[in-house]
Amino acid sequence: MGIIVSIIISGIAGWLAGKLMSSHFSMLGNIAIGIVGGIVGNIVLSVFGISGEGFIGRIIVGAVGACILIALGRAFSK
């Protein structure tokens, strides 16, 4: 059950990041960005002593990480 919840949270985080950054990924793209974004978000925010706990906290951390990934992708694609 934990993997299904993680995929749902990652999908929500990726969708949120896509809306915030005006990105046009598919639903599977949003889930992939959200999964990797969750990892990146945990690493980046742990440097500042911030951790995402609970459902909402994990969504926020994943969305922050996904926004970072989208921004990096845009920077290197130009």
N, C-alpha and C. Protein backbone atom coordinates (compact mmCIF):
# COMPACT_ATOMS: atom_id res chain seq x y z
N MET A 1 0.81 -1.19 0.00
CA MET A 1 0.00 0.00 0.00
C MET A 1 0.85 1.26 0.00
N GLY A 2 2.06 1.20 0.52
CA GLY A 2 2.93 2.36 0.60
C GLY A 2 3.35 2.87 -0.77
N ILE A 3 3.58 1.96 -1.71
CA ILE A 3 3.99 2.37 -3.05
C ILE A 3 2.86 3.08 -3.76
N ILE A 4 1.65 2.61 -3.60
CA ILE A 4 0.50 3.26 -4.24
C ILE A 4 0.31 4.67 -3.70
N VAL A 5 0.43 4.84 -2.40
CA VAL A 5 0.30 6.17 -1.79
C VAL A 5 1.42 7.08 -2.28
N SER A 6 2.64 6.54 -2.39
CA SER A 6 3.77 7.35 -2.88
C SER A 6 3.55 7.78 -4.32
N ILE A 7 3.00 6.91 -5.15
CA ILE A 7 2.72 7.27 -6.54
C ILE A 7 1.64 8.34 -6.61
N ILE A 8 0.63 8.23 -5.76
CA ILE A 8 -0.43 9.24 -5.73
C ILE A 8 0.14 10.58 -5.29
N ILE A 9 0.93 10.58 -4.23
CA ILE A 9 1.55 11.82 -3.75
C ILE A 9 2.47 12.40 -4.81
N SER A 10 3.25 11.55 -5.47
CA SER A 10 4.15 12.02 -6.52
C SER A 10 3.39 12.61 -7.69
N GLY A 11 2.28 11.98 -8.05
CA GLY A 11 1.45 12.50 -9.13
C GLY A 11 0.88 13.86 -8.79
N ILE A 12 0.42 14.02 -7.57
CA ILE A 12 -0.12 15.31 -7.13
C ILE A 12 0.98 16.37 -7.11
N ALA A 13 2.15 15.99 -6.59
CA ALA A 13 3.28 16.94 -6.54
C ALA A 13 3.72 17.33 -7.95
N GLY A 14 3.79 16.36 -8.86
CA GLY A 14 4.17 16.67 -10.24
C GLY A 14 3.13 17.53 -10.93
N TRP A 15 1.87 17.24 -10.69
CA TRP A 15 0.80 18.04 -11.28
C TRP A 15 0.87 19.48 -10.76
N LEU A 16 1.07 19.63 -9.45
CA LEU A 16 1.17 20.96 -8.84
C LEU A 16 2.36 21.73 -9.41
N ALA A 17 3.49 21.06 -9.54
CA ALA A 17 4.68 21.72 -10.11
C ALA A 17 4.42 22.11 -11.56
N GLY A 18 3.73 21.25 -12.30
CA GLY A 18 3.41 21.56 -13.68
C GLY A 18 2.53 22.79 -13.80
N LYS A 19 1.59 22.93 -12.89
CA LYS A 19 0.72 24.11 -12.88
C LYS A 19 1.49 25.36 -12.47
N LEU A 20 2.35 25.24 -11.46
CA LEU A 20 3.12 26.38 -10.99
C LEU A 20 4.12 26.86 -12.02
N MET A 21 4.70 25.93 -12.76
CA MET A 21 5.75 26.27 -13.71
C MET A 21 5.24 26.31 -15.15
N SER A 22 3.95 26.20 -15.38
CA SER A 22 3.34 26.18 -16.71
C SER A 22 4.02 25.17 -17.63
N SER A 23 4.19 23.96 -17.11
CA SER A 23 4.80 22.88 -17.86
C SER A 23 3.70 22.05 -18.51
N HIS A 24 3.99 21.45 -19.64
CA HIS A 24 2.97 20.70 -20.38
C HIS A 24 3.37 19.23 -20.51
N PHE A 25 3.50 18.56 -19.38
CA PHE A 25 3.79 17.14 -19.39
C PHE A 25 2.49 16.35 -19.32
N SER A 26 2.54 15.08 -19.75
CA SER A 26 1.39 14.20 -19.61
C SER A 26 1.27 13.76 -18.15
N MET A 27 0.24 13.00 -17.85
CA MET A 27 0.05 12.53 -16.48
C MET A 27 1.22 11.64 -16.05
N LEU A 28 1.69 10.76 -16.94
CA LEU A 28 2.84 9.92 -16.61
C LEU A 28 4.11 10.77 -16.46
N GLY A 29 4.22 11.81 -17.26
CA GLY A 29 5.35 12.73 -17.12
C GLY A 29 5.31 13.45 -15.77
N ASN A 30 4.10 13.85 -15.36
CA ASN A 30 3.94 14.50 -14.05
C ASN A 30 4.32 13.55 -12.92
N ILE A 31 3.92 12.29 -13.03
CA ILE A 31 4.27 11.32 -11.99
C ILE A 31 5.78 11.12 -11.94
N ALA A 32 6.42 11.00 -13.10
CA ALA A 32 7.87 10.82 -13.13
C ALA A 32 8.59 12.04 -12.57
N ILE A 33 8.15 13.23 -12.97
CA ILE A 33 8.75 14.45 -12.44
C ILE A 33 8.52 14.52 -10.93
N GLY A 34 7.33 14.12 -10.48
CA GLY A 34 7.02 14.14 -9.05
C GLY A 34 7.86 13.18 -8.24
N ILE A 35 8.11 11.98 -8.79
CA ILE A 35 8.93 10.98 -8.08
C ILE A 35 10.35 11.49 -7.94
N VAL A 36 10.93 11.90 -9.04
CA VAL A 36 12.31 12.41 -8.99
C VAL A 36 12.35 13.72 -8.20
N GLY A 37 11.31 14.52 -8.34
CA GLY A 37 11.23 15.78 -7.60
C GLY A 37 11.16 15.55 -6.09
N GLY A 38 10.50 14.49 -5.68
CA GLY A 38 10.46 14.16 -4.26
C GLY A 38 11.84 13.85 -3.71
N ILE A 39 12.62 13.14 -4.50
CA ILE A 39 13.99 12.82 -4.08
C ILE A 39 14.83 14.09 -4.04
N VAL A 40 14.76 14.89 -5.11
CA VAL A 40 15.52 16.14 -5.17
C VAL A 40 15.08 17.09 -4.06
N GLY A 41 13.78 17.20 -3.87
CA GLY A 41 13.25 18.08 -2.83
C GLY A 41 13.72 17.68 -1.44
N ASN A 42 13.74 16.39 -1.16
CA ASN A 42 14.23 15.91 0.14
C ASN A 42 15.70 16.27 0.34
N ILE A 43 16.49 16.11 -0.71
CA ILE A 43 17.93 16.41 -0.60
C ILE A 43 18.15 17.90 -0.40
N VAL A 44 17.51 18.71 -1.24
CA VAL A 44 17.72 20.16 -1.19
C VAL A 44 17.20 20.74 0.12
N LEU A 45 15.99 20.36 0.51
CA LEU A 45 15.41 20.95 1.72
C LEU A 45 16.07 20.43 3.00
N SER A 46 16.65 19.22 2.96
CA SER A 46 17.34 18.72 4.15
C SER A 46 18.59 19.53 4.44
N VAL A 47 19.18 20.13 3.40
CA VAL A 47 20.34 21.00 3.60
C VAL A 47 19.95 22.19 4.48
N PHE A 48 18.72 22.66 4.33
CA PHE A 48 18.22 23.78 5.12
C PHE A 48 17.52 23.34 6.41
N GLY A 49 17.55 22.05 6.69
CA GLY A 49 16.94 21.54 7.91
C GLY A 49 15.43 21.41 7.85
N ILE A 50 14.88 21.35 6.65
CA ILE A 50 13.43 21.24 6.46
C ILE A 50 13.11 19.83 6.01
N SER A 51 12.10 19.23 6.63
CA SER A 51 11.66 17.92 6.20
C SER A 51 10.15 17.93 6.01
N GLY A 52 9.70 17.20 5.02
CA GLY A 52 8.27 17.11 4.75
C GLY A 52 7.68 15.91 5.45
N GLU A 53 6.86 16.17 6.44
CA GLU A 53 6.22 15.08 7.15
C GLU A 53 4.73 15.14 6.92
N GLY A 54 4.12 14.00 6.81
CA GLY A 54 2.70 13.95 6.57
C GLY A 54 2.38 14.07 5.09
N PHE A 55 1.13 13.93 4.76
CA PHE A 55 0.67 13.95 3.38
C PHE A 55 0.97 15.28 2.70
N ILE A 56 0.56 16.38 3.32
CA ILE A 56 0.74 17.71 2.74
C ILE A 56 2.23 18.06 2.65
N GLY A 57 2.99 17.74 3.68
CA GLY A 57 4.42 18.03 3.68
C GLY A 57 5.14 17.31 2.55
N ARG A 58 4.78 16.05 2.31
CA ARG A 58 5.40 15.30 1.22
C ARG A 58 5.02 15.86 -0.14
N ILE A 59 3.80 16.35 -0.27
CA ILE A 59 3.38 16.97 -1.54
C ILE A 59 4.18 18.25 -1.78
N ILE A 60 4.35 19.06 -0.74
CA ILE A 60 5.09 20.31 -0.88
C ILE A 60 6.54 20.04 -1.23
N VAL A 61 7.18 19.10 -0.54
CA VAL A 61 8.58 18.76 -0.83
C VAL A 61 8.71 18.24 -2.25
N GLY A 62 7.81 17.37 -2.67
CA GLY A 62 7.85 16.85 -4.03
C GLY A 62 7.63 17.93 -5.07
N ALA A 63 6.71 18.85 -4.79
CA ALA A 63 6.44 19.94 -5.73
C ALA A 63 7.64 20.88 -5.83
N VAL A 64 8.28 21.17 -4.71
CA VAL A 64 9.47 22.04 -4.73
C VAL A 64 10.57 21.37 -5.55
N GLY A 65 10.80 20.10 -5.31
CA GLY A 65 11.81 19.37 -6.07
C GLY A 65 11.47 19.29 -7.55
N ALA A 66 10.20 19.07 -7.88
CA ALA A 66 9.79 19.02 -9.28
C ALA A 66 9.95 20.38 -9.95
N CYS A 67 9.64 21.45 -9.23
CA CYS A 67 9.85 22.80 -9.78
C CYS A 67 11.32 23.05 -10.06
N ILE A 68 12.18 22.58 -9.18
CA ILE A 68 13.63 22.70 -9.39
C ILE A 68 14.03 21.95 -10.65
N LEU A 69 13.51 20.73 -10.82
CA LEU A 69 13.84 19.95 -12.00
C LEU A 69 13.34 20.61 -13.29
N ILE A 70 12.13 21.13 -13.26
CA ILE A 70 11.59 21.80 -14.44
C ILE A 70 12.42 23.03 -14.78
N ALA A 71 12.80 23.81 -13.76
CA ALA A 71 13.63 25.00 -13.98
C ALA A 71 15.00 24.62 -14.55
N LEU A 72 15.60 23.56 -14.02
CA LEU A 72 16.88 23.11 -14.54
C LEU A 72 16.76 22.61 -15.98
N GLY A 73 15.67 21.90 -16.26
CA GLY A 73 15.44 21.43 -17.62
C GLY A 73 15.29 22.58 -18.60
N ARG A 74 14.59 23.61 -18.20
CA ARG A 74 14.45 24.79 -19.06
C ARG A 74 15.77 25.51 -19.25
N ALA A 75 16.57 25.60 -18.18
CA ALA A 75 17.85 26.30 -18.27
C ALA A 75 18.81 25.58 -19.20
N PHE A 76 18.82 24.26 -19.16
CA PHE A 76 19.78 23.51 -19.98
C PHE A 76 19.26 23.24 -21.39
N SER A 77 17.97 23.41 -21.62
CA SER A 77 17.43 23.17 -22.96
C SER A 77 17.62 24.37 -23.88
N LYS A 78 17.95 25.50 -23.32
CA LYS A 78 18.11 26.71 -24.15
C LYS A 78 19.52 26.93 -24.52
